[in-house]
PDB file of N, CA and C in Angstrom:
ATOM      1  N   ILE A   1      11.390  13.309  -3.386  1.00  0.00           N
ATOM      2  CA  ILE A   1      10.018  13.675  -3.836  1.00  0.00           C
ATOM      3  C   ILE A   1       9.066  13.174  -2.881  1.00  0.00           C
ATOM      4  N   THR A   2       8.001  13.936  -2.630  1.00  0.00           N
ATOM      5  CA  THR A   2       6.908  13.498  -1.744  1.00  0.00           C
ATOM      6  C   THR A   2       5.599  13.519  -2.485  1.00  0.00           C
ATOM      7  N   LEU A   3       4.552  12.829  -1.993  1.00  0.00           N
ATOM      8  CA  LEU A   3       3.295  12.861  -2.682  1.00  0.00           C
ATOM      9  C   LEU A   3       2.769  14.302  -2.646  1.00  0.00           C
ATOM     10  N   HIS A   4       3.008  15.004  -1.573  1.00  0.00           N
ATOM     11  CA  HIS A   4       2.569  16.413  -1.540  1.00  0.00           C
ATOM     12  C   HIS A   4       3.178  17.242  -2.662  1.00  0.00           C
ATOM     13  N   ASP A   5       4.452  17.004  -2.874  1.00  0.00           N
ATOM     14  CA  ASP A   5       5.192  17.729  -3.931  1.00  0.00           C
ATOM     15  C   ASP A   5       4.512  17.591  -5.318  1.00  0.00           C
ATOM     16  N   ILE A   6       3.937  16.444  -5.512  1.00  0.00           N
ATOM     17  CA  ILE A   6       3.332  16.262  -6.911  1.00  0.00           C
ATOM     18  C   ILE A   6       1.855  16.462  -6.894  1.00  0.00           C
ATOM     19  N   GLY A   7       1.315  17.004  -5.815  1.00  0.00           N
ATOM     20  CA  GLY A   7      -0.085  17.423  -5.831  1.00  0.00           C
ATOM     21  C   GLY A   7      -1.029  16.414  -5.194  1.00  0.00           C
ATOM     22  N   ILE A   8      -0.502  15.385  -4.572  1.00  0.00           N
ATOM     23  CA  ILE A   8      -1.349  14.321  -3.974  1.00  0.00           C
ATOM     24  C   ILE A   8      -1.434  14.656  -2.473  1.00  0.00           C
ATOM     25  N   ASN A   9      -2.642  15.048  -2.057  1.00  0.00           N
ATOM     26  CA  ASN A   9      -2.855  15.518  -0.682  1.00  0.00           C
ATOM     27  C   ASN A   9      -4.074  14.808  -0.089  1.00  0.00           C
ATOM     28  N   HIS A  10      -4.156  14.922   1.231  1.00  0.00           N
ATOM     29  CA  HIS A  10      -5.381  14.523   2.013  1.00  0.00           C
ATOM     30  C   HIS A  10      -5.612  13.020   1.818  1.00  0.00           C
ATOM     31  N   LEU A  11      -4.555  12.212   1.862  1.00  0.00           N
ATOM     32  CA  LEU A  11      -4.791  10.763   1.826  1.00  0.00           C
ATOM     33  C   LEU A  11      -4.763  10.118   3.193  1.00  0.00           C
ATOM     34  N   SER A  12      -5.604   9.150   3.381  1.00  0.00           N
ATOM     35  CA  SER A  12      -5.511   8.389   4.640  1.00  0.00           C
ATOM     36  C   SER A  12      -4.832   7.067   4.389  1.00  0.00           C
ATOM     37  N   GLU A  13      -4.886   6.570   3.162  1.00  0.00           N
ATOM     38  CA  GLU A  13      -4.143   5.336   2.844  1.00  0.00           C
ATOM     39  C   GLU A  13      -3.695   5.350   1.386  1.00  0.00           C
ATOM     40  N   VAL A  14      -2.701   4.517   1.099  1.00  0.00           N
ATOM     41  CA  VAL A  14      -2.130   4.350  -0.188  1.00  0.00           C
ATOM     42  C   VAL A  14      -2.179   2.836  -0.509  1.00  0.00           C
ATOM     43  N   LEU A  15      -2.504   2.473  -1.777  1.00  0.00           N
ATOM     44  CA  LEU A  15      -2.516   1.104  -2.173  1.00  0.00           C
ATOM     45  C   LEU A  15      -1.214   0.771  -2.881  1.00  0.00           C
ATOM     46  N   PHE A  16      -0.647  -0.397  -2.579  1.00  0.00           N
ATOM     47  CA  PHE A  16       0.603  -0.874  -3.140  1.00  0.00           C
ATOM     48  C   PHE A  16       0.357  -2.015  -4.076  1.00  0.00           C
ATOM     49  N   ASN A  17       0.822  -1.941  -5.304  1.00  0.00           N
ATOM     50  CA  ASN A  17       0.842  -3.102  -6.228  1.00  0.00           C
ATOM     51  C   ASN A  17       2.232  -3.631  -6.124  1.00  0.00           C
ATOM     52  N   TRP A  18       2.358  -4.921  -5.806  1.00  0.00           N
ATOM     53  CA  TRP A  18       3.673  -5.548  -5.631  1.00  0.00           C
ATOM     54  C   TRP A  18       4.041  -6.304  -6.964  1.00  0.00           C
ATOM     55  N   TYR A  19       3.098  -6.858  -7.637  1.00  0.00           N
ATOM     56  CA  TYR A  19       3.415  -7.732  -8.821  1.00  0.00           C
ATOM     57  C   TYR A  19       2.263  -7.902  -9.739  1.00  0.00           C
ATOM     58  N   GLN A  20       2.236  -7.260 -10.886  1.00  0.00           N
ATOM     59  CA  GLN A  20       1.207  -7.414 -11.910  1.00  0.00           C
ATOM     60  C   GLN A  20      -0.186  -7.352 -11.366  1.00  0.00           C
ATOM     61  N   PHE A  21      -0.398  -6.520 -10.376  1.00  0.00           N
ATOM     62  CA  PHE A  21      -1.745  -6.323  -9.739  1.00  0.00           C
ATOM     63  C   PHE A  21      -2.388  -7.617  -9.267  1.00  0.00           C
ATOM     64  N   LYS A  22      -1.494  -8.585  -8.942  1.00  0.00           N
ATOM     65  CA  LYS A  22      -2.039  -9.823  -8.314  1.00  0.00           C
ATOM     66  C   LYS A  22      -1.998  -9.779  -6.801  1.00  0.00           C
ATOM     67  N   ARG A  23      -1.212  -8.852  -6.296  1.00  0.00           N
ATOM     68  CA  ARG A  23      -1.182  -8.715  -4.809  1.00  0.00           C
ATOM     69  C   ARG A  23      -1.144  -7.196  -4.538  1.00  0.00           C
ATOM     70  N   ILE A  24      -2.227  -6.679  -3.904  1.00  0.00           N
ATOM     71  CA  ILE A  24      -2.237  -5.283  -3.535  1.00  0.00           C
ATOM     72  C   ILE A  24      -2.491  -5.182  -2.019  1.00  0.00           C
ATOM     73  N   ASP A  25      -1.756  -4.349  -1.429  1.00  0.00           N
ATOM     74  CA  ASP A  25      -1.888  -4.089   0.006  1.00  0.00           C
ATOM     75  C   ASP A  25      -2.178  -2.569   0.232  1.00  0.00           C
ATOM     76  N   ALA A  26      -2.873  -2.326   1.319  1.00  0.00           N
ATOM     77  CA  ALA A  26      -3.204  -0.925   1.715  1.00  0.00           C
ATOM     78  C   ALA A  26      -2.349  -0.604   2.903  1.00  0.00           C
ATOM     79  N   PHE A  27      -1.764   0.559   2.897  1.00  0.00           N
ATOM     80  CA  PHE A  27      -0.966   1.141   4.003  1.00  0.00           C
ATOM     81  C   PHE A  27      -1.537   2.470   4.352  1.00  0.00           C
ATOM     82  N   GLY A  28      -1.616   2.769   5.628  1.00  0.00           N
ATOM     83  CA  GLY A  28      -1.956   4.085   6.131  1.00  0.00           C
ATOM     84  C   GLY A  28      -0.868   5.072   5.672  1.00  0.00           C
ATOM     85  N   ILE A  29      -1.280   6.205   5.368  1.00  0.00           N
ATOM     86  CA  ILE A  29      -0.271   7.258   4.866  1.00  0.00           C
ATOM     87  C   ILE A  29       0.812   7.498   5.927  1.00  0.00           C
ATOM     88  N   ASN A  30       0.468   7.468   7.186  1.00  0.00           N
ATOM     89  CA  ASN A  30       1.487   7.705   8.239  1.00  0.00           C
ATOM     90  C   ASN A  30       2.470   6.516   8.270  1.00  0.00           C
ATOM     91  N   ASP A  31       1.935   5.297   8.124  1.00  0.00           N
ATOM     92  CA  ASP A  31       2.826   4.171   8.081  1.00  0.00           C
ATOM     93  C   ASP A  31       3.720   4.194   6.829  1.00  0.00           C
ATOM     94  N   LEU A  32       3.181   4.611   5.742  1.00  0.00           N
ATOM     95  CA  LEU A  32       3.999   4.777   4.489  1.00  0.00           C
ATOM     96  C   LEU A  32       5.182   5.693   4.753  1.00  0.00           C
ATOM     97  N   ASP A  33       4.850   6.846   5.357  1.00  0.00           N
ATOM     98  CA  ASP A  33       5.844   7.819   5.582  1.00  0.00           C
ATOM     99  C   ASP A  33       6.960   7.291   6.598  1.00  0.00           C
ATOM    100  N   LYS A  34       6.501   6.625   7.649  1.00  0.00           N
ATOM    101  CA  LYS A  34       7.409   6.176   8.668  1.00  0.00           C
ATOM    102  C   LYS A  34       8.190   4.918   8.315  1.00  0.00           C
ATOM    103  N   TYR A  35       7.606   3.996   7.495  1.00  0.00           N
ATOM    104  CA  TYR A  35       8.237   2.683   7.247  1.00  0.00           C
ATOM    105  C   TYR A  35       8.548   2.464   5.743  1.00  0.00           C
ATOM    106  N   PHE A  36       8.583   3.469   4.927  1.00  0.00           N
ATOM    107  CA  PHE A  36       8.769   3.261   3.553  1.00  0.00           C
ATOM    108  C   PHE A  36      10.070   2.412   3.194  1.00  0.00           C
ATOM    109  N   HIS A  37      11.152   2.748   3.906  1.00  0.00           N
ATOM    110  CA  HIS A  37      12.401   1.983   3.598  1.00  0.00           C
ATOM    111  C   HIS A  37      12.370   0.583   4.112  1.00  0.00           C
ATOM    112  N   ASP A  38      11.421   0.268   4.894  1.00  0.00           N
ATOM    113  CA  ASP A  38      11.212  -1.116   5.368  1.00  0.00           C
ATOM    114  C   ASP A  38      10.230  -1.865   4.441  1.00  0.00           C
ATOM    115  N   ILE A  39       9.478  -1.132   3.682  1.00  0.00           N
ATOM    116  CA  ILE A  39       8.491  -1.671   2.804  1.00  0.00           C
ATOM    117  C   ILE A  39       9.083  -1.923   1.424  1.00  0.00           C
ATOM    118  N   TRP A  40       9.806  -0.988   0.880  1.00  0.00           N
ATOM    119  CA  TRP A  40      10.336  -1.038  -0.489  1.00  0.00           C
ATOM    120  C   TRP A  40      11.789  -1.356  -0.394  1.00  0.00           C
ATOM    121  N   PHE A  41      12.254  -2.445  -1.143  1.00  0.00           N
ATOM    122  CA  PHE A  41      13.615  -2.820  -1.125  1.00  0.00           C
ATOM    123  C   PHE A  41      14.338  -2.507  -2.472  1.00  0.00           C
ATOM    124  N   PRO A  42      15.222  -1.580  -2.419  1.00  0.00           N
ATOM    125  CA  PRO A  42      15.931  -1.282  -3.732  1.00  0.00           C
ATOM    126  C   PRO A  42      16.617  -2.507  -4.232  1.00  0.00           C
ATOM    127  N   SER A  43      16.793  -2.574  -5.594  1.00  0.00           N
ATOM    128  CA  SER A  43      17.390  -3.655  -6.291  1.00  0.00           C
ATOM    129  C   SER A  43      16.502  -4.855  -6.473  1.00  0.00           C
ATOM    130  N   SER A  44      15.354  -4.929  -5.738  1.00  0.00           N
ATOM    131  CA  SER A  44      14.488  -6.117  -5.910  1.00  0.00           C
ATOM    132  C   SER A  44      13.032  -5.841  -6.173  1.00  0.00           C
ATOM    133  N   ASP A  45      12.589  -4.756  -5.712  1.00  0.00           N
ATOM    134  CA  ASP A  45      11.159  -4.410  -5.777  1.00  0.00           C
ATOM    135  C   ASP A  45      10.855  -3.302  -6.843  1.00  0.00           C
ATOM    136  N   ASP A  46       9.876  -3.637  -7.677  1.00  0.00           N
ATOM    137  CA  ASP A  46       9.244  -2.697  -8.520  1.00  0.00           C
ATOM    138  C   ASP A  46       7.822  -2.581  -7.995  1.00  0.00           C
ATOM    139  N   ILE A  47       7.444  -1.319  -7.582  1.00  0.00           N
ATOM    140  CA  ILE A  47       6.098  -1.162  -6.913  1.00  0.00           C
ATOM    141  C   ILE A  47       5.355  -0.047  -7.568  1.00  0.00           C
ATOM    142  N   ASP A  48       4.011  -0.068  -7.462  1.00  0.00           N
ATOM    143  CA  ASP A  48       3.130   1.011  -7.912  1.00  0.00           C
ATOM    144  C   ASP A  48       2.356   1.446  -6.710  1.00  0.00           C
ATOM    145  N   LEU A  49       2.197   2.719  -6.534  1.00  0.00           N
ATOM    146  CA  LEU A  49       1.394   3.304  -5.460  1.00  0.00           C
ATOM    147  C   LEU A  49       0.264   4.039  -6.112  1.00  0.00           C
ATOM    148  N   PHE A  50      -0.919   3.975  -5.493  1.00  0.00           N
ATOM    149  CA  PHE A  50      -2.117   4.681  -6.013  1.00  0.00           C
ATOM    150  C   PHE A  50      -3.102   4.712  -4.880  1.00  0.00           C
ATOM    151  N   ASP A  51      -4.253   5.493  -5.129  1.00  0.00           N
ATOM    152  CA  ASP A  51      -5.240   5.491  -4.101  1.00  0.00           C
ATOM    153  C   ASP A  51      -6.527   4.856  -4.734  1.00  0.00           C
ATOM    154  N   ARG A  52      -7.594   4.802  -3.967  1.00  0.00           N
ATOM    155  CA  ARG A  52      -8.841   4.177  -4.416  1.00  0.00           C
ATOM    156  C   ARG A  52      -9.499   4.884  -5.607  1.00  0.00           C
ATOM    157  N   THR A  53      -9.182   6.124  -5.815  1.00  0.00           N
ATOM    158  CA  THR A  53      -9.791   6.882  -6.905  1.00  0.00           C
ATOM    159  C   THR A  53      -9.250   6.407  -8.308  1.00  0.00           C
ATOM    160  N   LEU A  54      -8.064   5.866  -8.272  1.00  0.00           N
ATOM    161  CA  LEU A  54      -7.307   5.461  -9.468  1.00  0.00           C
ATOM    162  C   LEU A  54      -7.031   6.632 -10.430  1.00  0.00           C
ATOM    163  N   ASN A  55      -7.026   7.843  -9.843  1.00  0.00           N
ATOM    164  CA  ASN A  55      -6.741   9.053 -10.636  1.00  0.00           C
ATOM    165  C   ASN A  55      -5.263   9.261 -10.901  1.00  0.00           C
ATOM    166  N   TRP A  56      -4.401   8.548 -10.192  1.00  0.00           N
ATOM    167  CA  TRP A  56      -2.976   8.710 -10.298  1.00  0.00           C
ATOM    168  C   TRP A  56      -2.281   7.394  -9.947  1.00  0.00           C
ATOM    169  N   ILE A  57      -1.010   7.256 -10.459  1.00  0.00           N
ATOM    170  CA  ILE A  57      -0.233   6.123 -10.083  1.00  0.00           C
ATOM    171  C   ILE A  57       1.207   6.553 -10.117  1.00  0.00           C
ATOM    172  N   LEU A  58       1.924   6.168  -9.029  1.00  0.00           N
ATOM    173  CA  LEU A  58       3.293   6.418  -8.872  1.00  0.00           C
ATOM    174  C   LEU A  58       4.052   5.099  -8.906  1.00  0.00           C
ATOM    175  N   SER A  59       4.934   4.943  -9.871  1.00  0.00           N
ATOM    176  CA  SER A  59       5.731   3.696 -10.006  1.00  0.00           C
ATOM    177  C   SER A  59       7.148   3.902  -9.591  1.00  0.00           C
ATOM    178  N   ILE A  60       7.624   3.013  -8.787  1.00  0.00           N
ATOM    179  CA  ILE A  60       9.045   3.090  -8.353  1.00  0.00           C
ATOM    180  C   ILE A  60       9.697   1.786  -8.753  1.00  0.00           C
ATOM    181  N   ARG A  61      10.697   1.952  -9.669  1.00  0.00           N
ATOM    182  CA  ARG A  61      11.420   0.733 -10.105  1.00  0.00           C
ATOM    183  C   ARG A  61      12.502   0.338  -9.090  1.00  0.00           C
ATOM    184  N   HIS A  62      12.939  -0.865  -9.281  1.00  0.00           N
ATOM    185  CA  HIS A  62      13.994  -1.450  -8.350  1.00  0.00           C
ATOM    186  C   HIS A  62      15.297  -0.585  -8.342  1.00  0.00           C
ATOM    187  N   ASP A  63      15.527   0.178  -9.376  1.00  0.00           N
ATOM    188  CA  ASP A  63      16.716   1.014  -9.399  1.00  0.00           C
ATOM    189  C   ASP A  63      16.439   2.426  -8.875  1.00  0.00           C
ATOM    190  N   GLY A  64      15.263   2.694  -8.424  1.00  0.00           N
ATOM    191  CA  GLY A  64      14.917   4.000  -7.825  1.00  0.00           C
ATOM    192  C   GLY A  64      14.286   5.017  -8.787  1.00  0.00           C
ATOM    193  N   CYS A  65      14.138   4.632 -10.040  1.00  0.00           N
ATOM    194  CA  CYS A  65      13.539   5.507 -10.981  1.00  0.00           C
ATOM    195  C   CYS A  65      12.052   5.665 -10.713  1.00  0.00           C
ATOM    196  N   ILE A  66      11.555   6.861 -10.673  1.00  0.00           N
ATOM    197  CA  ILE A  66      10.178   7.159 -10.325  1.00  0.00           C
ATOM    198  C   ILE A  66       9.372   7.660 -11.508  1.00  0.00           C
ATOM    199  N   THR A  67       8.238   7.177 -11.765  1.00  0.00           N
ATOM    200  CA  THR A  67       7.369   7.587 -12.850  1.00  0.00           C
ATOM    201  C   THR A  67       5.998   8.008 -12.188  1.00  0.00           C
ATOM    202  N   PHE A  68       5.461   9.106 -12.569  1.00  0.00           N
ATOM    203  CA  PHE A  68       4.131   9.515 -12.054  1.00  0.00           C
ATOM    204  C   PHE A  68       3.258   9.769 -13.164  1.00  0.00           C
ATOM    205  N   CYS A  69       2.028   9.203 -13.140  1.00  0.00           N
ATOM    206  CA  CYS A  69       0.999   9.437 -14.147  1.00  0.00           C
ATOM    207  C   CYS A  69      -0.259   9.958 -13.477  1.00  0.00           C
ATOM    208  N   ASN A  70      -0.841  10.970 -13.987  1.00  0.00           N
ATOM    209  CA  ASN A  70      -2.114  11.530 -13.435  1.00  0.00           C
ATOM    210  C   ASN A  70      -3.171  11.510 -14.397  1.00  0.00           C
TER     211      ASN A  70
END
């Protein structure tokens, strides 16, 4: 699944929530594409991705289950 596949287009950056919205990092969309497997670690990381509009959120659980809310 890609962000484009679910209708999320024209992004320059994506925000990452690592833990209970206490730590949020911004990644350039090109860096997200290129380094995603270095950023998210299966079996240990539950992450949320969203942009500054807060119109959508994509959650990826540690087991790889993906949930999208718009």
